[in-house]
PDB file of N, CA and C in Angstrom:
ATOM      1  N   UNK A   1     -15.155  -7.069  -2.728  1.00  0.00           N
ATOM      2  CA  UNK A   1     -14.990  -5.361  -2.316  1.00  0.00           C
ATOM      3  C   UNK A   1     -15.231  -4.337  -3.437  1.00  0.00           C
ATOM      4  N   UNK A   2     -16.344  -4.014  -2.934  1.00  0.00           N
ATOM      5  CA  UNK A   2     -17.215  -2.890  -3.774  1.00  0.00           C
ATOM      6  C   UNK A   2     -15.686  -2.390  -4.240  1.00  0.00           C
ATOM      7  N   UNK A   3     -15.987  -1.545  -5.826  1.00  0.00           N
ATOM      8  CA  UNK A   3     -15.334  -0.669  -5.999  1.00  0.00           C
ATOM      9  C   UNK A   3     -15.354   0.838  -5.988  1.00  0.00           C
ATOM     10  N   UNK A   4     -16.369   1.323  -4.428  1.00  0.00           N
ATOM     11  CA  UNK A   4     -16.113   2.520  -3.801  1.00  0.00           C
ATOM     12  C   UNK A   4     -15.328   1.879  -2.637  1.00  0.00           C
ATOM     13  N   UNK A   5     -14.474   0.656  -1.986  1.00  0.00           N
ATOM     14  CA  UNK A   5     -13.576   0.514  -0.830  1.00  0.00           C
ATOM     15  C   UNK A   5     -12.294   0.049  -1.826  1.00  0.00           C
ATOM     16  N   UNK A   6     -12.796   0.332  -3.151  1.00  0.00           N
ATOM     17  CA  UNK A   6     -11.391   0.207  -3.510  1.00  0.00           C
ATOM     18  C   UNK A   6     -10.452   1.669  -3.631  1.00  0.00           C
ATOM     19  N   UNK A   7     -11.786   2.260  -3.800  1.00  0.00           N
ATOM     20  CA  UNK A   7     -10.992   3.304  -4.223  1.00  0.00           C
ATOM     21  C   UNK A   7     -10.483   3.934  -1.822  1.00  0.00           C
ATOM     22  N   UNK A   8     -11.833   3.541  -1.741  1.00  0.00           N
ATOM     23  CA  UNK A   8     -11.397   3.816  -0.285  1.00  0.00           C
ATOM     24  C   UNK A   8     -10.061   3.469  -0.133  1.00  0.00           C
ATOM     25  N   UNK A   9      -9.299   2.493  -0.068  1.00  0.00           N
ATOM     26  CA  UNK A   9      -8.808   1.626  -0.231  1.00  0.00           C
ATOM     27  C   UNK A   9      -7.421   2.275  -0.741  1.00  0.00           C
ATOM     28  N   UNK A  10      -7.787   2.550  -2.553  1.00  0.00           N
ATOM     29  CA  UNK A  10      -6.252   2.883  -2.773  1.00  0.00           C
ATOM     30  C   UNK A  10      -6.159   4.900  -1.817  1.00  0.00           C
ATOM     31  N   UNK A  11      -7.219   5.291  -1.820  1.00  0.00           N
ATOM     32  CA  UNK A  11      -7.435   7.048  -1.071  1.00  0.00           C
ATOM     33  C   UNK A  11      -6.534   6.637   0.817  1.00  0.00           C
ATOM     34  N   UNK A  12      -6.798   5.069   1.130  1.00  0.00           N
ATOM     35  CA  UNK A  12      -6.160   5.564   1.934  1.00  0.00           C
ATOM     36  C   UNK A  12      -4.527   5.093   2.435  1.00  0.00           C
ATOM     37  N   UNK A  13      -4.340   4.634   1.070  1.00  0.00           N
ATOM     38  CA  UNK A  13      -3.196   3.542   1.291  1.00  0.00           C
ATOM     39  C   UNK A  13      -2.449   5.827   0.787  1.00  0.00           C
ATOM     40  N   UNK A  14      -2.629   5.677   0.422  1.00  0.00           N
ATOM     41  CA  UNK A  14      -2.222   7.214  -0.231  1.00  0.00           C
ATOM     42  C   UNK A  14      -2.137   7.631   1.401  1.00  0.00           C
ATOM     43  N   UNK A  15      -3.010   8.475   2.297  1.00  0.00           N
ATOM     44  CA  UNK A  15      -3.104   8.961   2.811  1.00  0.00           C
ATOM     45  C   UNK A  15      -1.843   9.063   3.360  1.00  0.00           C
ATOM     46  N   UNK A  16      -2.030   6.774   4.322  1.00  0.00           N
ATOM     47  CA  UNK A  16      -1.120   6.913   5.186  1.00  0.00           C
ATOM     48  C   UNK A  16       0.447   7.187   5.153  1.00  0.00           C
ATOM     49  N   UNK A  17      -0.033   7.491   3.679  1.00  0.00           N
ATOM     50  CA  UNK A  17       2.145   7.063   2.875  1.00  0.00           C
ATOM     51  C   UNK A  17       1.879   9.138   3.489  1.00  0.00           C
ATOM     52  N   UNK A  18       0.902   9.618   3.264  1.00  0.00           N
ATOM     53  CA  UNK A  18       1.894  11.123   3.872  1.00  0.00           C
ATOM     54  C   UNK A  18       1.567  11.236   5.511  1.00  0.00           C
ATOM     55  N   UNK A  19       0.857  11.145   5.836  1.00  0.00           N
ATOM     56  CA  UNK A  19       1.094  11.235   7.118  1.00  0.00           C
ATOM     57  C   UNK A  19       2.064  10.593   7.928  1.00  0.00           C
ATOM     58  N   UNK A  20       2.574   9.459   7.267  1.00  0.00           N
ATOM     59  CA  UNK A  20       3.238   8.701   7.726  1.00  0.00           C
ATOM     60  C   UNK A  20       4.952   8.854   7.929  1.00  0.00           C
ATOM     61  N   UNK A  21       4.644   8.822   6.342  1.00  0.00           N
ATOM     62  CA  UNK A  21       6.475   8.335   5.626  1.00  0.00           C
ATOM     63  C   UNK A  21       6.361  10.062   4.582  1.00  0.00           C
ATOM     64  N   UNK A  22       6.227  10.767   5.149  1.00  0.00           N
ATOM     65  CA  UNK A  22       5.853  12.149   4.748  1.00  0.00           C
ATOM     66  C   UNK A  22       5.901  12.075   3.425  1.00  0.00           C
ATOM     67  N   UNK A  23       5.044  11.289   2.692  1.00  0.00           N
ATOM     68  CA  UNK A  23       5.435  11.391   1.081  1.00  0.00           C
ATOM     69  C   UNK A  23       4.476  12.378   0.587  1.00  0.00           C
ATOM     70  N   UNK A  24       4.553  13.371  -0.619  1.00  0.00           N
ATOM     71  CA  UNK A  24       4.238  14.401  -0.698  1.00  0.00           C
ATOM     72  C   UNK A  24       2.662  14.269  -1.410  1.00  0.00           C
ATOM     73  N   UNK A  25       1.967  15.941  -0.943  1.00  0.00           N
ATOM     74  CA  UNK A  25       0.377  14.696  -1.082  1.00  0.00           C
ATOM     75  C   UNK A  25       0.347  14.450  -2.457  1.00  0.00           C
ATOM     76  N   UNK A  26       1.203  15.608  -3.511  1.00  0.00           N
ATOM     77  CA  UNK A  26       0.578  15.016  -5.290  1.00  0.00           C
ATOM     78  C   UNK A  26       1.445  13.472  -5.701  1.00  0.00           C
ATOM     79  N   UNK A  27       2.311  13.842  -4.716  1.00  0.00           N
ATOM     80  CA  UNK A  27       3.221  11.720  -4.912  1.00  0.00           C
ATOM     81  C   UNK A  27       2.287  10.518  -5.495  1.00  0.00           C
ATOM     82  N   UNK A  28       1.258  10.518  -6.378  1.00  0.00           N
ATOM     83  CA  UNK A  28       0.186   9.130  -6.295  1.00  0.00           C
ATOM     84  C   UNK A  28       0.193   9.279  -7.111  1.00  0.00           C
ATOM     85  N   UNK A  29       0.967   7.743  -7.483  1.00  0.00           N
ATOM     86  CA  UNK A  29       0.951   6.820  -8.148  1.00  0.00           C
ATOM     87  C   UNK A  29       0.369   6.072  -7.974  1.00  0.00           C
ATOM     88  N   UNK A  30      -0.590   4.895  -7.963  1.00  0.00           N
ATOM     89  CA  UNK A  30      -1.618   4.268  -7.926  1.00  0.00           C
ATOM     90  C   UNK A  30      -1.873   3.036  -9.354  1.00  0.00           C
ATOM     91  N   UNK A  31      -1.093   1.753  -8.631  1.00  0.00           N
ATOM     92  CA  UNK A  31      -2.209   0.175 -10.051  1.00  0.00           C
ATOM     93  C   UNK A  31      -2.954  -0.059  -9.006  1.00  0.00           C
ATOM     94  N   UNK A  32      -3.729  -0.674  -9.725  1.00  0.00           N
ATOM     95  CA  UNK A  32      -4.631  -1.475  -9.022  1.00  0.00           C
ATOM     96  C   UNK A  32      -5.458  -2.702 -10.253  1.00  0.00           C
ATOM     97  N   UNK A  33      -4.891  -3.445  -9.421  1.00  0.00           N
ATOM     98  CA  UNK A  33      -5.292  -4.945 -10.086  1.00  0.00           C
ATOM     99  C   UNK A  33      -6.638  -5.955  -9.175  1.00  0.00           C
ATOM    100  N   UNK A  34      -7.574  -5.901 -10.029  1.00  0.00           N
ATOM    101  CA  UNK A  34      -8.620  -7.168  -8.517  1.00  0.00           C
ATOM    102  C   UNK A  34      -8.695  -8.229  -9.539  1.00  0.00           C
ATOM    103  N   UNK A  35      -8.562  -9.373  -9.302  1.00  0.00           N
ATOM    104  CA  UNK A  35      -8.417 -10.644  -9.684  1.00  0.00           C
ATOM    105  C   UNK A  35      -9.819 -11.831  -8.813  1.00  0.00           C
ATOM    106  N   UNK A  36      -9.970 -12.975  -9.265  1.00  0.00           N
ATOM    107  CA  UNK A  36     -11.465 -13.266  -9.289  1.00  0.00           C
ATOM    108  C   UNK A  36     -10.476 -14.416  -8.189  1.00  0.00           C
ATOM    109  N   UNK A  37     -11.622 -14.667  -7.483  1.00  0.00           N
ATOM    110  CA  UNK A  37     -11.508 -15.334  -5.797  1.00  0.00           C
ATOM    111  C   UNK A  37     -10.451 -16.528  -6.533  1.00  0.00           C
ATOM    112  N   UNK A  38     -10.299 -17.087  -7.538  1.00  0.00           N
ATOM    113  CA  UNK A  38      -9.915 -18.492  -7.826  1.00  0.00           C
ATOM    114  C   UNK A  38      -8.042 -18.102  -8.253  1.00  0.00           C
ATOM    115  N   UNK A  39      -7.636 -16.135  -8.475  1.00  0.00           N
ATOM    116  CA  UNK A  39      -7.055 -16.782  -8.941  1.00  0.00           C
ATOM    117  C   UNK A  39      -5.651 -15.501  -7.930  1.00  0.00           C
ATOM    118  N   UNK A  40      -6.510 -15.857  -6.752  1.00  0.00           N
ATOM    119  CA  UNK A  40      -5.757 -14.911  -5.896  1.00  0.00           C
ATOM    120  C   UNK A  40      -5.622 -15.631  -4.860  1.00  0.00           C
ATOM    121  N   UNK A  41      -4.576 -17.047  -4.609  1.00  0.00           N
ATOM    122  CA  UNK A  41      -4.906 -17.285  -3.372  1.00  0.00           C
ATOM    123  C   UNK A  41      -3.959 -17.175  -2.287  1.00  0.00           C
ATOM    124  N   UNK A  42      -4.260 -16.661  -1.183  1.00  0.00           N
ATOM    125  CA  UNK A  42      -3.899 -16.537   0.614  1.00  0.00           C
ATOM    126  C   UNK A  42      -4.568 -17.122   1.881  1.00  0.00           C
ATOM    127  N   UNK A  43      -2.995 -17.480   1.894  1.00  0.00           N
ATOM    128  CA  UNK A  43      -3.386 -18.913   3.586  1.00  0.00           C
ATOM    129  C   UNK A  43      -4.145 -17.444   4.271  1.00  0.00           C
ATOM    130  N   UNK A  44      -5.541 -18.152   4.730  1.00  0.00           N
ATOM    131  CA  UNK A  44      -6.297 -17.137   5.336  1.00  0.00           C
ATOM    132  C   UNK A  44      -5.211 -17.058   7.364  1.00  0.00           C
ATOM    133  N   UNK A  45      -4.518 -18.034   7.189  1.00  0.00           N
ATOM    134  CA  UNK A  45      -4.334 -17.745   8.495  1.00  0.00           C
ATOM    135  C   UNK A  45      -2.633 -17.986   9.012  1.00  0.00           C
ATOM    136  N   UNK A  46      -1.687 -17.443   7.819  1.00  0.00           N
ATOM    137  CA  UNK A  46      -0.387 -17.405   8.332  1.00  0.00           C
ATOM    138  C   UNK A  46       0.177 -15.503   8.415  1.00  0.00           C
ATOM    139  N   UNK A  47       0.560 -15.977   9.361  1.00  0.00           N
ATOM    140  CA  UNK A  47       1.381 -15.184  10.755  1.00  0.00           C
ATOM    141  C   UNK A  47      -0.306 -14.680  11.783  1.00  0.00           C
ATOM    142  N   UNK A  48      -0.335 -15.580  12.229  1.00  0.00           N
ATOM    143  CA  UNK A  48      -1.651 -15.623  13.460  1.00  0.00           C
ATOM    144  C   UNK A  48      -2.585 -14.481  12.098  1.00  0.00           C
ATOM    145  N   UNK A  49      -3.647 -14.236  12.074  1.00  0.00           N
ATOM    146  CA  UNK A  49      -4.444 -13.761  11.918  1.00  0.00           C
ATOM    147  C   UNK A  49      -5.499 -14.320  11.123  1.00  0.00           C
ATOM    148  N   UNK A  50      -6.525 -13.776  10.278  1.00  0.00           N
ATOM    149  CA  UNK A  50      -7.823 -14.755   9.993  1.00  0.00           C
ATOM    150  C   UNK A  50      -8.576 -13.733   8.824  1.00  0.00           C
ATOM    151  N   UNK A  51      -7.689 -13.785   7.444  1.00  0.00           N
ATOM    152  CA  UNK A  51      -7.998 -13.677   6.584  1.00  0.00           C
ATOM    153  C   UNK A  51      -9.665 -14.462   6.225  1.00  0.00           C
ATOM    154  N   UNK A  52     -10.312 -12.943   5.317  1.00  0.00           N
ATOM    155  CA  UNK A  52     -11.497 -13.027   4.831  1.00  0.00           C
ATOM    156  C   UNK A  52     -11.419 -13.258   3.419  1.00  0.00           C
ATOM    157  N   UNK A  53     -12.504 -13.356   2.070  1.00  0.00           N
ATOM    158  CA  UNK A  53     -12.595 -13.955   0.896  1.00  0.00           C
ATOM    159  C   UNK A  53     -11.989 -12.736   0.855  1.00  0.00           C
ATOM    160  N   UNK A  54     -12.258 -11.767   1.119  1.00  0.00           N
ATOM    161  CA  UNK A  54     -11.917 -10.270   0.430  1.00  0.00           C
ATOM    162  C   UNK A  54     -10.192  -9.695   0.579  1.00  0.00           C
ATOM    163  N   UNK A  55      -9.521 -10.520   1.329  1.00  0.00           N
ATOM    164  CA  UNK A  55      -8.187 -10.307   1.255  1.00  0.00           C
ATOM    165  C   UNK A  55      -7.388  -9.494   0.706  1.00  0.00           C
ATOM    166  N   UNK A  56      -6.152  -8.336   0.709  1.00  0.00           N
ATOM    167  CA  UNK A  56      -6.202  -7.994  -0.244  1.00  0.00           C
ATOM    168  C   UNK A  56      -4.318  -8.393   0.357  1.00  0.00           C
ATOM    169  N   UNK A  57      -4.103  -7.886  -1.472  1.00  0.00           N
ATOM    170  CA  UNK A  57      -2.891  -7.363  -1.046  1.00  0.00           C
ATOM    171  C   UNK A  57      -1.451  -6.028  -1.740  1.00  0.00           C
ATOM    172  N   UNK A  58      -0.842  -5.100  -0.679  1.00  0.00           N
ATOM    173  CA  UNK A  58      -0.472  -3.802  -0.742  1.00  0.00           C
ATOM    174  C   UNK A  58       0.344  -3.889  -0.986  1.00  0.00           C
ATOM    175  N   UNK A  59       1.266  -4.052  -2.652  1.00  0.00           N
ATOM    176  CA  UNK A  59       2.561  -3.718  -2.733  1.00  0.00           C
ATOM    177  C   UNK A  59       2.918  -2.131  -2.487  1.00  0.00           C
ATOM    178  N   UNK A  60       3.679  -2.009  -1.694  1.00  0.00           N
ATOM    179  CA  UNK A  60       4.389   0.227  -1.901  1.00  0.00           C
ATOM    180  C   UNK A  60       5.729  -0.277  -3.067  1.00  0.00           C
ATOM    181  N   UNK A  61       6.035   0.363  -3.480  1.00  0.00           N
ATOM    182  CA  UNK A  61       7.474   0.718  -4.088  1.00  0.00           C
ATOM    183  C   UNK A  61       7.879   2.694  -3.700  1.00  0.00           C
ATOM    184  N   UNK A  62       9.097   2.715  -2.826  1.00  0.00           N
ATOM    185  CA  UNK A  62       8.893   4.402  -2.113  1.00  0.00           C
ATOM    186  C   UNK A  62      10.375   3.828  -2.361  1.00  0.00           C
ATOM    187  N   UNK A  63      10.993   5.032  -1.933  1.00  0.00           N
ATOM    188  CA  UNK A  63      12.715   5.689  -2.162  1.00  0.00           C
ATOM    189  C   UNK A  63      12.514   5.270  -0.617  1.00  0.00           C
ATOM    190  N   UNK A  64      14.102   4.570  -1.004  1.00  0.00           N
ATOM    191  CA  UNK A  64      15.025   4.296   0.822  1.00  0.00           C
ATOM    192  C   UNK A  64      14.991   5.323   1.685  1.00  0.00           C
ATOM    193  N   UNK A  65      14.677   5.332   2.208  1.00  0.00           N
ATOM    194  CA  UNK A  65      14.498   6.258   3.410  1.00  0.00           C
ATOM    195  C   UNK A  65      14.340   6.136   4.492  1.00  0.00           C
ATOM    196  N   UNK A  66      12.748   4.845   4.897  1.00  0.00           N
ATOM    197  CA  UNK A  66      12.384   5.332   6.629  1.00  0.00           C
ATOM    198  C   UNK A  66      12.700   4.736   7.145  1.00  0.00           C
ATOM    199  N   UNK A  67      12.433   4.670   8.169  1.00  0.00           N
ATOM    200  CA  UNK A  67      12.826   4.564   9.487  1.00  0.00           C
ATOM    201  C   UNK A  67      11.942   3.061   9.813  1.00  0.00           C
ATOM    202  N   UNK A  68      12.231   2.191  10.674  1.00  0.00           N
ATOM    203  CA  UNK A  68      11.636   1.402  10.850  1.00  0.00           C
ATOM    204  C   UNK A  68      10.059   1.631  11.390  1.00  0.00           C
ATOM    205  N   UNK A  69      10.694   3.034  12.215  1.00  0.00           N
ATOM    206  CA  UNK A  69       9.401   3.101  13.370  1.00  0.00           C
ATOM    207  C   UNK A  69       8.102   3.629  12.318  1.00  0.00           C
ATOM    208  N   UNK A  70       8.326   4.191  11.151  1.00  0.00           N
ATOM    209  CA  UNK A  70       7.709   5.253  10.023  1.00  0.00           C
ATOM    210  C   UNK A  70       7.258   3.581   9.254  1.00  0.00           C
ATOM    211  N   UNK A  71       7.717   2.989   8.938  1.00  0.00           N
ATOM    212  CA  UNK A  71       6.965   1.359   8.470  1.00  0.00           C
ATOM    213  C   UNK A  71       5.726   0.913   9.503  1.00  0.00           C
ATOM    214  N   UNK A  72       5.914   0.650  10.940  1.00  0.00           N
ATOM    215  CA  UNK A  72       5.251   0.080  11.888  1.00  0.00           C
ATOM    216  C   UNK A  72       4.345   1.233  11.487  1.00  0.00           C
ATOM    217  N   UNK A  73       4.400   2.666  11.894  1.00  0.00           N
ATOM    218  CA  UNK A  73       2.801   3.658  12.228  1.00  0.00           C
ATOM    219  C   UNK A  73       2.594   3.104  10.411  1.00  0.00           C
ATOM    220  N   UNK A  74       3.021   3.151   9.511  1.00  0.00           N
ATOM    221  CA  UNK A  74       2.162   2.584   8.224  1.00  0.00           C
ATOM    222  C   UNK A  74       1.781   1.331   8.661  1.00  0.00           C
ATOM    223  N   UNK A  75       1.781   0.204   8.669  1.00  0.00           N
ATOM    224  CA  UNK A  75       0.837  -0.595   9.163  1.00  0.00           C
ATOM    225  C   UNK A  75       0.356  -0.359   9.818  1.00  0.00           C
ATOM    226  N   UNK A  76      -0.095   0.225  10.985  1.00  0.00           N
ATOM    227  CA  UNK A  76      -0.679   0.174  12.544  1.00  0.00           C
ATOM    228  C   UNK A  76      -1.776   1.329  12.127  1.00  0.00           C
ATOM    229  N   UNK A  77      -1.564   2.132  10.826  1.00  0.00           N
ATOM    230  CA  UNK A  77      -2.499   3.507   9.658  1.00  0.00           C
ATOM    231  C   UNK A  77      -3.328   2.549   8.573  1.00  0.00           C
ATOM    232  N   UNK A  78      -1.855   2.183   8.526  1.00  0.00           N
ATOM    233  CA  UNK A  78      -3.539   1.298   6.446  1.00  0.00           C
ATOM    234  C   UNK A  78      -3.908   0.724   7.371  1.00  0.00           C
ATOM    235  N   UNK A  79      -4.192  -0.302   8.530  1.00  0.00           N
ATOM    236  CA  UNK A  79      -5.175  -0.994   9.409  1.00  0.00           C
ATOM    237  C   UNK A  79      -6.132  -0.150   9.630  1.00  0.00           C
ATOM    238  N   UNK A  80      -5.922   1.041  10.781  1.00  0.00           N
ATOM    239  CA  UNK A  80      -6.643   1.980  10.647  1.00  0.00           C
ATOM    240  C   UNK A  80      -7.425   1.869   9.266  1.00  0.00           C
ATOM    241  N   UNK A  81      -6.880   2.669   8.561  1.00  0.00           N
ATOM    242  CA  UNK A  81      -7.979   3.569   7.667  1.00  0.00           C
ATOM    243  C   UNK A  81      -8.300   1.761   7.056  1.00  0.00           C
ATOM    244  N   UNK A  82      -7.841   1.112   7.189  1.00  0.00           N
ATOM    245  CA  UNK A  82      -8.998   0.231   6.681  1.00  0.00           C
ATOM    246  C   UNK A  82     -10.316  -0.698   6.969  1.00  0.00           C
ATOM    247  N   UNK A  83     -10.320  -0.889   7.916  1.00  0.00           N
ATOM    248  CA  UNK A  83     -11.467  -1.043   9.168  1.00  0.00           C
ATOM    249  C   UNK A  83     -12.285   0.271   9.140  1.00  0.00           C
ATOM    250  N   UNK A  84     -11.754   1.808   8.122  1.00  0.00           N
ATOM    251  CA  UNK A  84     -12.734   2.734   9.007  1.00  0.00           C
ATOM    252  C   UNK A  84     -13.727   2.612   6.995  1.00  0.00           C
ATOM    253  N   UNK A  85     -13.174   1.608   6.644  1.00  0.00           N
ATOM    254  CA  UNK A  85     -14.019   1.065   5.385  1.00  0.00           C
ATOM    255  C   UNK A  85     -14.742   0.131   5.354  1.00  0.00           C
ATOM    256  N   UNK A  86     -14.803  -0.220   5.725  1.00  0.00           N
ATOM    257  CA  UNK A  86     -15.444  -1.994   6.507  1.00  0.00           C
ATOM    258  C   UNK A  86     -15.029  -2.901   5.684  1.00  0.00           C
ATOM    259  N   UNK A  87     -13.126  -2.458   6.035  1.00  0.00           N
ATOM    260  CA  UNK A  87     -12.275  -3.624   5.777  1.00  0.00           C
ATOM    261  C   UNK A  87     -12.156  -4.609   6.795  1.00  0.00           C
ATOM    262  N   UNK A  88     -11.954  -5.779   6.791  1.00  0.00           N
ATOM    263  CA  UNK A  88     -10.745  -6.607   8.222  1.00  0.00           C
ATOM    264  C   UNK A  88      -9.317  -6.116   8.101  1.00  0.00           C
ATOM    265  N   UNK A  89      -8.997  -5.767   9.762  1.00  0.00           N
ATOM    266  CA  UNK A  89      -7.404  -5.430   8.979  1.00  0.00           C
ATOM    267  C   UNK A  89      -6.430  -6.471   9.467  1.00  0.00           C
ATOM    268  N   UNK A  90      -7.213  -7.815   9.055  1.00  0.00           N
ATOM    269  CA  UNK A  90      -6.074  -8.589   9.275  1.00  0.00           C
ATOM    270  C   UNK A  90      -6.559  -9.539   7.639  1.00  0.00           C
ATOM    271  N   UNK A  91      -6.839  -8.463   6.770  1.00  0.00           N
ATOM    272  CA  UNK A  91      -7.387  -8.731   6.028  1.00  0.00           C
ATOM    273  C   UNK A  91      -6.472  -7.863   4.361  1.00  0.00           C
ATOM    274  N   UNK A  92      -5.584  -6.874   4.397  1.00  0.00           N
ATOM    275  CA  UNK A  92      -3.841  -5.839   4.461  1.00  0.00           C
ATOM    276  C   UNK A  92      -2.817  -7.343   4.860  1.00  0.00           C
ATOM    277  N   UNK A  93      -2.760  -7.700   3.440  1.00  0.00           N
ATOM    278  CA  UNK A  93      -1.098  -7.879   3.208  1.00  0.00           C
ATOM    279  C   UNK A  93      -0.147  -6.868   2.785  1.00  0.00           C
ATOM    280  N   UNK A  94       1.205  -6.044   3.325  1.00  0.00           N
ATOM    281  CA  UNK A  94       1.470  -5.460   2.630  1.00  0.00           C
ATOM    282  C   UNK A  94       2.611  -5.163   2.451  1.00  0.00           C
ATOM    283  N   UNK A  95       3.713  -5.743   1.549  1.00  0.00           N
ATOM    284  CA  UNK A  95       5.214  -5.062   0.779  1.00  0.00           C
ATOM    285  C   UNK A  95       5.662  -4.369   1.308  1.00  0.00           C
ATOM    286  N   UNK A  96       7.084  -3.395   1.536  1.00  0.00           N
ATOM    287  CA  UNK A  96       7.696  -2.358   0.711  1.00  0.00           C
ATOM    288  C   UNK A  96       8.252  -2.861   0.134  1.00  0.00           C
ATOM    289  N   UNK A  97       9.140  -1.736  -0.748  1.00  0.00           N
ATOM    290  CA  UNK A  97       9.461  -2.644  -1.713  1.00  0.00           C
ATOM    291  C   UNK A  97      10.604  -0.712  -1.194  1.00  0.00           C
ATOM    292  N   UNK A  98      11.352  -1.047  -1.188  1.00  0.00           N
ATOM    293  CA  UNK A  98      12.437   0.144  -1.992  1.00  0.00           C
ATOM    294  C   UNK A  98      13.577   0.485  -3.115  1.00  0.00           C
ATOM    295  N   UNK A  99      14.421   1.569  -3.375  1.00  0.00           N
ATOM    296  CA  UNK A  99      14.925   1.929  -4.644  1.00  0.00           C
ATOM    297  C   UNK A  99      15.316   2.777  -3.773  1.00  0.00           C
ATOM    298  N   UNK A 100      16.161   3.836  -4.652  1.00  0.00           N
ATOM    299  CA  UNK A 100      17.103   4.965  -4.173  1.00  0.00           C
ATOM    300  C   UNK A 100      16.214   5.721  -5.818  1.00  0.00           C
ATOM    301  N   UNK A 101      16.679   7.557  -6.234  1.00  0.00           N
ATOM    302  CA  UNK A 101      16.413   7.850  -6.653  1.00  0.00           C
ATOM    303  C   UNK A 101      16.742   7.509  -8.053  1.00  0.00           C
ATOM    304  N   UNK A 102      17.700   6.588  -8.579  1.00  0.00           N
ATOM    305  CA  UNK A 102      18.224   7.176 -10.080  1.00  0.00           C
ATOM    306  C   UNK A 102      17.244   5.769 -10.035  1.00  0.00           C
ATOM    307  N   UNK A 103      16.772   4.493  -9.378  1.00  0.00           N
ATOM    308  CA  UNK A 103      15.821   4.203  -9.618  1.00  0.00           C
ATOM    309  C   UNK A 103      14.534   4.078 -10.651  1.00  0.00           C
ATOM    310  N   UNK A 104      14.753   6.219 -10.925  1.00  0.00           N
ATOM    311  CA  UNK A 104      13.531   6.654 -10.881  1.00  0.00           C
ATOM    312  C   UNK A 104      13.422   6.984 -12.287  1.00  0.00           C
ATOM    313  N   UNK A 105      12.001   7.352 -12.865  1.00  0.00           N
ATOM    314  CA  UNK A 105      12.843   8.321 -13.859  1.00  0.00           C
ATOM    315  C   UNK A 105      10.735   8.966 -14.476  1.00  0.00           C
ATOM    316  N   UNK A 106      10.162  10.223 -13.953  1.00  0.00           N
ATOM    317  CA  UNK A 106       9.082  10.405 -13.701  1.00  0.00           C
ATOM    318  C   UNK A 106       9.142  11.676 -15.073  1.00  0.00           C
ATOM    319  N   UNK A 107       9.594  10.466 -16.381  1.00  0.00           N
ATOM    320  CA  UNK A 107       9.109  11.516 -17.307  1.00  0.00           C
ATOM    321  C   UNK A 107      10.481  12.328 -18.000  1.00  0.00           C
ATOM    322  N   UNK A 108      10.027  12.518 -19.610  1.00  0.00           N
ATOM    323  CA  UNK A 108      11.471  13.456 -20.707  1.00  0.00           C
ATOM    324  C   UNK A 108      12.138  11.891 -20.660  1.00  0.00           C
ATOM    325  N   UNK A 109      12.548  11.060 -20.126  1.00  0.00           N
ATOM    326  CA  UNK A 109      13.798  10.371 -20.119  1.00  0.00           C
ATOM    327  C   UNK A 109      14.393  10.660 -19.239  1.00  0.00           C
ATOM    328  N   UNK A 110      14.814  11.421 -18.538  1.00  0.00           N
ATOM    329  CA  UNK A 110      15.365  11.874 -17.012  1.00  0.00           C
ATOM    330  C   UNK A 110      15.312  10.954 -16.029  1.00  0.00           C
ATOM    331  N   UNK A 111      16.210  10.711 -14.808  1.00  0.00           N
ATOM    332  CA  UNK A 111      16.708   9.800 -14.194  1.00  0.00           C
ATOM    333  C   UNK A 111      15.604  11.400 -12.886  1.00  0.00           C
ATOM    334  N   UNK A 112      15.006  10.743 -12.111  1.00  0.00           N
ATOM    335  CA  UNK A 112      14.540  11.598 -11.132  1.00  0.00           C
ATOM    336  C   UNK A 112      15.244  12.402 -10.520  1.00  0.00           C
ATOM    337  N   UNK A 113      16.543  11.507 -10.327  1.00  0.00           N
ATOM    338  CA  UNK A 113      18.284  11.989  -9.601  1.00  0.00           C
ATOM    339  C   UNK A 113      18.643  12.913  -9.749  1.00  0.00           C
ATOM    340  N   UNK A 114      18.407  13.331 -11.183  1.00  0.00           N
ATOM    341  CA  UNK A 114      19.144  14.489 -12.103  1.00  0.00           C
ATOM    342  C   UNK A 114      17.670  16.107 -12.477  1.00  0.00           C
ATOM    343  N   UNK A 115      16.214  15.493 -11.551  1.00  0.00           N
ATOM    344  CA  UNK A 115      15.445  16.690 -12.112  1.00  0.00           C
ATOM    345  C   UNK A 115      16.589  18.301 -11.364  1.00  0.00           C
TER     346      UNK A 115
END
């Protein structure tokens, strides 16, 4: 995957979260890790898909409270955006991790819930 596609995917994830899950536009905190091909082991067919060597794992950690409908829309939106930057829709593996406001601190030693 090219550096341009990596940035495009990062932008796509953020834009999809804003569009589908009402995440504020300015709430963007992303980590991008790239691995050598032999350090990322993904079954090419698990889940009835056809993954290529460009497959990506996207883990999204966000506050709980999103509906199943929002999550389904997010998956569809991400797949469409991936296709828009030249990635195969089958190449996205998405995992959502939800937690509460007390589980975050955005700085100054304060819990997010105490903002």
